[in-house]
Protein backbone atom coordinates (compact mmCIF):
# COMPACT_ATOMS: atom_id res chain seq x y z
CA MET A 1 -3.16 5.52 -9.45
CA GLU A 2 -2.54 2.41 -7.30
CA SER A 3 -6.00 0.00 -6.16
CA MET A 4 -4.96 -1.53 -2.25
CA THR A 5 -7.30 -4.52 -3.36
CA GLY A 6 -4.89 -7.19 -6.31
CA PHE A 7 -2.65 -10.39 -6.29
CA GLY A 8 0.66 -11.50 -7.72
CA SER A 9 2.37 -14.89 -8.12
CA CYS A 10 5.93 -15.89 -8.74
CA SER A 11 6.85 -19.81 -8.96
CA GLU A 12 10.50 -20.39 -9.75
CA GLN A 13 12.53 -23.61 -8.66
CA ASN A 14 16.44 -24.77 -8.52
CA GLY A 15 17.15 -28.04 -7.01
CA CYS A 16 13.67 -27.40 -4.95
CA SER A 17 10.11 -25.51 -6.09
CA TRP A 18 8.39 -22.83 -4.08
CA THR A 19 5.53 -20.65 -4.95
CA TRP A 20 5.29 -16.88 -3.21
CA THR A 21 1.83 -15.73 -2.87
CA LEU A 22 0.50 -12.32 -2.70
CA ARG A 23 -2.63 -11.05 -1.40
CA SER A 24 -3.76 -6.72 -1.21
CA VAL A 25 -7.17 -5.66 0.29
CA ASN A 26 -8.39 -2.19 2.01
CA ALA A 27 -5.87 -0.96 4.99
CA LYS A 28 -5.54 2.29 6.26
CA GLY A 29 -2.33 1.52 6.56
CA LEU A 30 0.65 -0.99 5.38
CA ASP A 31 -0.32 -4.64 7.37
CA ILE A 32 1.82 -7.06 6.30
CA ARG A 33 0.94 -11.04 7.42
CA CYS A 34 4.31 -13.43 6.44
CA ARG A 35 3.62 -17.36 6.55
CA TYR A 36 6.44 -19.30 5.65
CA PRO A 37 7.63 -23.23 6.78
CA GLN A 38 8.90 -23.76 9.74
CA GLY A 39 12.96 -23.45 9.84
CA TYR A 40 13.04 -19.73 7.69
CA GLU A 41 11.55 -17.50 10.26
CA GLU A 42 15.31 -15.21 9.72
CA LEU A 43 13.67 -14.87 6.17
CA GLU A 44 10.05 -12.57 7.97
CA GLN A 45 12.13 -9.00 8.80
CA LYS A 46 13.69 -9.28 4.30
CA ILE A 47 10.32 -10.13 3.10
CA ARG A 48 9.06 -6.90 4.77
CA ASP A 49 11.46 -4.50 3.96
CA CYS A 50 10.84 -5.70 0.78
CA LEU A 51 7.20 -4.98 0.32
CA ARG A 52 7.75 -1.93 2.66
CA SER A 53 9.96 -1.34 -0.67
CA PHE A 54 6.66 -0.98 -3.77
CA PHE A 55 3.96 -0.02 -1.90
CA THR A 56 2.51 2.20 1.12
CA ARG A 57 -0.52 0.91 2.01
CA GLY A 58 -3.09 -2.46 2.15
CA SER A 59 -3.77 -5.64 3.94
CA LEU A 60 -0.98 -7.78 2.90
CA SER A 61 -1.28 -11.41 2.72
CA VAL A 62 2.55 -12.66 2.05
CA SER A 63 3.34 -17.07 1.88
CA LEU A 64 6.11 -19.03 0.72
CA ASP A 65 5.25 -22.70 -0.17
CA ILE A 66 8.13 -25.40 -0.63
CA THR A 67 8.33 -27.97 -2.20
CA VAL A 68 11.62 -31.03 -1.48
CA ASP A 69 11.36 -33.02 -5.09
CA PRO A 70 12.25 -36.95 -2.73
CA ALA A 71 15.06 -37.50 -5.22
CA ASN A 72 17.68 -35.49 -4.86
CA GLN A 73 16.72 -35.88 -0.21
CA LYS A 74 20.30 -37.59 0.11
CA PRO A 75 21.43 -37.63 3.86
CA LYS A 76 24.61 -36.96 5.77
CA ILE A 77 25.55 -38.21 8.20
CA ASN A 78 27.45 -36.45 11.30
CA TYR A 79 30.09 -39.88 11.59
CA ALA A 80 32.20 -37.90 14.81
CA PHE A 81 28.89 -37.63 15.86
CA LEU A 82 27.66 -40.94 15.38
CA GLU A 83 30.98 -41.95 17.76
CA GLU A 84 30.63 -40.66 20.29
CA LEU A 85 26.93 -42.63 20.71
CA CYS A 86 28.69 -45.66 19.82
CA ALA A 87 31.07 -45.20 22.75
CA LEU A 88 28.82 -43.90 25.14
CA SER A 89 26.76 -46.41 23.84
CA GLN A 90 29.67 -49.78 24.80
CA GLN A 91 29.81 -47.24 27.63
CA LEU A 92 27.08 -48.36 28.90
CA GLN A 93 26.28 -52.01 28.13
CA GLN A 94 29.67 -52.46 29.98
CA LYS A 95 27.72 -50.31 32.98
CA PHE A 96 24.35 -51.94 31.93
CA PRO A 97 24.35 -55.63 30.74
CA ASN A 98 21.05 -55.91 30.65
CA LEU A 99 20.16 -53.78 29.11
CA ARG A 100 19.78 -53.88 25.18
CA PRO A 101 22.47 -53.40 22.70
CA ALA A 102 21.95 -49.51 21.18
CA GLY A 103 21.43 -51.02 17.24
CA ILE A 104 22.36 -49.20 14.01
CA ASP A 105 18.54 -48.21 13.85
CA GLY A 106 18.25 -46.01 16.57
CA LEU A 107 21.42 -43.87 16.72
CA ILE A 108 20.78 -43.01 12.90
CA ASN A 109 17.39 -41.50 14.72
CA VAL A 110 18.44 -39.67 16.82
CA PRO A 111 18.43 -36.12 16.38
CA GLY A 112 21.49 -34.15 14.86
CA VAL A 113 23.49 -37.58 13.40
CA ALA A 114 21.73 -37.95 9.75
CA GLU A 115 19.25 -35.05 7.62
CA LEU A 116 18.46 -34.45 4.17
CA ASN A 117 19.77 -32.20 1.89
CA ALA A 118 21.33 -30.68 4.98
CA GLU A 119 22.37 -27.56 4.17
CA THR A 120 25.74 -24.71 4.97
CA ALA A 121 25.72 -21.46 5.50
CA GLU A 122 26.33 -20.38 2.22
CA ASP A 123 23.74 -22.79 0.95
CA ARG A 124 21.59 -21.01 2.85
CA SER A 125 22.89 -17.59 1.66
CA GLU A 126 21.93 -18.33 -2.02
CA MET A 127 18.24 -20.13 -1.62
CA THR A 128 18.00 -17.00 0.76
CA ALA A 129 19.04 -14.67 -2.47
CA LEU A 130 17.13 -16.42 -4.79
CA PHE A 131 14.03 -16.61 -2.82
CA LEU A 132 13.83 -12.93 -2.36
CA SER A 133 14.68 -12.29 -6.29
CA SER A 134 11.17 -14.07 -7.10
CA LEU A 135 9.64 -12.61 -4.27
CA GLU A 136 10.29 -9.43 -6.03
CA LYS A 137 8.47 -10.68 -9.07
CA ALA A 138 5.64 -11.79 -7.45
CA ALA A 139 5.95 -7.87 -5.42
CA GLU A 140 6.24 -6.13 -9.02
CA SER A 141 3.21 -9.00 -10.58
CA LEU A 142 0.87 -7.59 -7.13
CA LYS A 143 2.54 -4.04 -8.12
CA LYS A 144 1.00 -4.96 -11.58
CA SER A 145 -3.03 -6.42 -10.17
CA ARG A 146 -2.94 -3.27 -7.83
CA LEU A 147 -2.29 -0.53 -11.15
CA ALA A 148 -5.42 -2.48 -13.56
CA GLU A 149 -7.48 -2.21 -11.02
CA GLY A 150 -6.56 1.52 -9.98
CA ALA A 151 -7.18 2.27 -13.29
CA LYS A 152 -11.09 0.62 -13.71
CA ILE A 153 -11.41 3.16 -10.20
CA ALA A 154 -10.26 6.41 -12.19
CA ILE A 155 -13.56 6.13 -14.91
CA CYS A 156 -15.19 6.19 -11.85
CA LEU A 157 -13.93 8.01 -9.74
CA ASN A 158 -13.91 11.35 -12.93
CA GLU A 159 -16.92 9.98 -13.88
CA GLN A 160 -18.86 10.70 -10.43
CA VAL A 161 -16.14 14.68 -10.27
CA ASP A 162 -17.91 14.97 -13.73
CA ARG A 163 -21.37 14.41 -12.24
CA ILE A 164 -20.49 16.36 -8.36
CA GLU A 165 -19.54 19.61 -10.72
CA GLN A 166 -23.18 19.79 -13.29
CA LEU A 167 -23.86 19.96 -9.91
CA VAL A 168 -22.21 22.18 -9.15
CA ILE A 169 -23.50 24.23 -11.97
CA ALA A 170 -26.80 22.94 -12.00
CA ALA A 171 -27.08 24.56 -7.79
CA LYS A 172 -25.68 27.51 -9.07
CA ASN A 173 -29.12 28.07 -11.54
CA HIS A 174 -31.16 27.62 -8.78
CA ALA A 175 -29.53 29.94 -6.16
CA ALA A 176 -29.90 32.57 -8.90
CA ALA A 177 -33.83 31.85 -7.34
CA GLN A 178 -32.76 32.76 -3.46
CA PRO A 179 -33.44 36.56 -4.23
CA GLN A 180 -37.71 36.10 -3.40
CA HIS A 181 -36.92 33.27 -1.42
CA ILE A 182 -35.20 35.46 1.04
CA LYS A 183 -37.51 38.55 -0.12
CA GLU A 184 -41.10 36.44 1.25
CA LYS A 185 -38.58 35.37 4.54
CA LEU A 186 -37.76 38.33 5.43
CA LYS A 187 -41.30 39.22 4.80
CA GLU A 188 -42.13 36.72 7.34
CA GLY A 189 -39.61 37.87 9.40
CA LEU A 190 -40.80 41.86 9.35
CA ALA A 191 -44.32 40.48 10.25
CA LEU A 192 -42.97 38.45 13.74
CA LEU A 193 -40.46 41.93 14.77
CA LYS A 194 -44.08 43.89 14.98
CA GLU A 195 -45.51 42.23 17.01
CA GLU A 196 -42.19 42.78 19.44
CA LYS A 197 -42.67 46.55 21.41
CA ASP A 198 -39.25 47.54 22.48
CA LEU A 199 -37.63 46.35 18.79
CA THR A 200 -34.35 48.39 18.53
CA GLU A 201 -33.38 49.66 15.28
CA ASP A 202 -30.13 47.06 16.12
CA ARG A 203 -32.33 43.90 16.16
CA PHE A 204 -33.76 44.63 13.09
CA MET A 205 -30.29 45.52 11.32
CA GLN A 206 -29.05 42.05 13.28
CA GLU A 207 -32.09 39.53 12.03
CA VAL A 208 -31.43 40.97 8.47
CA THR A 209 -28.21 40.44 8.71
CA ALA A 210 -28.95 37.29 9.71
CA CYS A 211 -31.33 35.99 7.57
CA MET A 212 -29.69 37.08 4.73
CA MET A 213 -25.96 35.50 6.01
CA ARG A 214 -27.71 32.43 5.68
CA ALA A 215 -29.53 31.69 2.14
CA ASP A 216 -26.33 33.52 0.91
CA VAL A 217 -24.41 30.90 -1.15
CA ARG A 218 -22.53 31.95 -3.31
CA GLU A 219 -18.86 30.76 -0.90
CA GLU A 220 -20.37 27.14 -0.57
CA LEU A 221 -20.93 26.82 -4.30
CA ASP A 222 -17.35 28.09 -5.43
CA ARG A 223 -15.82 25.69 -2.92
CA LEU A 224 -17.60 23.62 -4.07
CA ALA A 225 -16.16 24.34 -7.83
CA ALA A 226 -12.72 24.15 -5.97
CA HIS A 227 -12.64 21.20 -4.41
CA VAL A 228 -13.88 19.51 -7.65
CA HIS A 229 -10.79 21.44 -9.39
CA THR A 230 -7.87 19.61 -7.10
CA ALA A 231 -9.86 16.21 -7.13
CA ARG A 232 -8.93 15.82 -10.72
CA GLU A 233 -5.91 17.36 -10.42
CA LEU A 234 -5.10 14.70 -7.42
CA PHE A 235 -6.03 12.06 -9.78
CA ALA A 236 -3.58 12.69 -12.47
CA GLU A 237 -1.01 12.52 -9.08
CA LYS A 238 1.63 9.67 -9.08
CA GLY A 239 1.91 7.70 -5.69
CA SER A 240 0.04 6.78 -3.05
CA ILE A 241 -3.19 9.50 -3.17
CA GLY A 242 -5.66 7.70 -1.03
CA ARG A 243 -5.95 9.70 2.47
CA LYS A 244 -5.46 13.17 0.34
CA LEU A 245 -9.17 12.53 -1.10
CA ASP A 246 -10.28 10.59 1.75
CA PHE A 247 -10.13 14.15 3.32
CA LEU A 248 -11.06 15.67 0.74
CA CYS A 249 -13.85 14.42 0.89
CA GLN A 250 -14.96 15.72 3.71
CA GLU A 251 -14.81 18.48 2.68
CA PHE A 252 -16.60 17.56 -0.72
CA ASN A 253 -19.45 17.49 2.11
CA ARG A 254 -18.82 19.51 4.65
CA GLU A 255 -20.06 22.00 2.16
CA ALA A 256 -22.90 19.49 0.64
CA ASN A 257 -24.32 19.85 4.14
CA THR A 258 -23.52 23.92 4.57
CA LEU A 259 -25.21 23.91 1.45
CA CYS A 260 -28.41 22.26 2.29
CA SER A 261 -28.79 24.29 5.42
CA LYS A 262 -28.71 27.84 3.53
CA SER A 263 -31.31 26.58 1.10
CA MET A 264 -34.73 27.63 0.74
CA ASP A 265 -35.60 26.60 -2.80
CA ILE A 266 -36.20 23.07 -3.02
CA GLU A 267 -34.77 22.63 -6.10
CA LEU A 268 -31.47 23.51 -5.02
CA THR A 269 -31.92 21.46 -1.22
CA ARG A 270 -33.30 18.51 -3.80
CA THR A 271 -30.15 19.03 -5.84
CA GLY A 272 -27.59 19.94 -2.69
CA MET A 273 -28.95 16.52 -1.28
CA ALA A 274 -28.37 14.74 -5.14
CA LEU A 275 -24.77 16.16 -4.10
CA LYS A 276 -24.02 14.73 -0.78
CA THR A 277 -25.57 10.70 -2.84
CA VAL A 278 -22.63 11.11 -5.09
CA ILE A 279 -20.32 11.98 -3.13
CA ASP A 280 -21.03 9.30 -0.75
CA GLN A 281 -19.92 6.63 -3.39
CA LEU A 282 -17.36 9.37 -4.20
CA ARG A 283 -15.60 8.18 -0.84
CA GLU A 284 -16.77 4.59 -0.75
CA GLN A 285 -14.32 4.10 -3.89
CA ILE A 286 -12.22 6.29 -2.64
CA GLN A 287 -11.37 4.19 -0.09
CA ASN A 288 -9.96 1.42 -2.41
CA ILE A 289 -6.93 3.95 -3.18
CA GLU A 290 -3.76 3.19 -1.95
């Protein structure tokens, strides 16, 4: 079982140092938000593809921080471009003699003349591979964090399902007292029906049948017991089970609501309300599961 909440990171260096930082919180689907230094936009799709291979749900914040050692920064001069600028400067000086001649400091500062650590396509490809390799390590770190958090949640979920099972057993015991309440309810109904002048046998049978159906909670209790079994099976599954558990909680809640509405016994009603409380707690915890 894996939580959607976690943290992972990875730091490495090769000519420069970089750190990947990954944070994950709850989300209905997989939402990836990326932050990286300017000039590395081509990494974004690769980041998304990498993380999709690890995770299916969660809101993921991904950041890449790169630090370059000034001692390793060496300027690279584009001499061909510089020569063109010098020739153009001489032409302009001849045409406009009153202009101040261009100095080397001005020409060096022209964009494209001098660059620090100018990367070739091969250099960029190599660094991209290194970045993605360390991103996978950061994703593995986040995965471990989410699994560890999921293991803690699993303990809580199992305790809540155990509690639901205990309450279902208690509800079955309280339901044994229903026949007496049904009998009393029928007496009340018959007394009211006797006051009607045109009471037919069909109408009488309809009222009795409706009363019996409203009072029979065996179907709801059987379904609740079946849902407990299904929950335990899902807990044992690997992979993404959060949506399945969320749907199961809706079914739990539906049966608990019907149980309370049918109850004619105060203790059964109290047990039904306790069931609803535990089911709400279960559903709240399940929102954290992938």
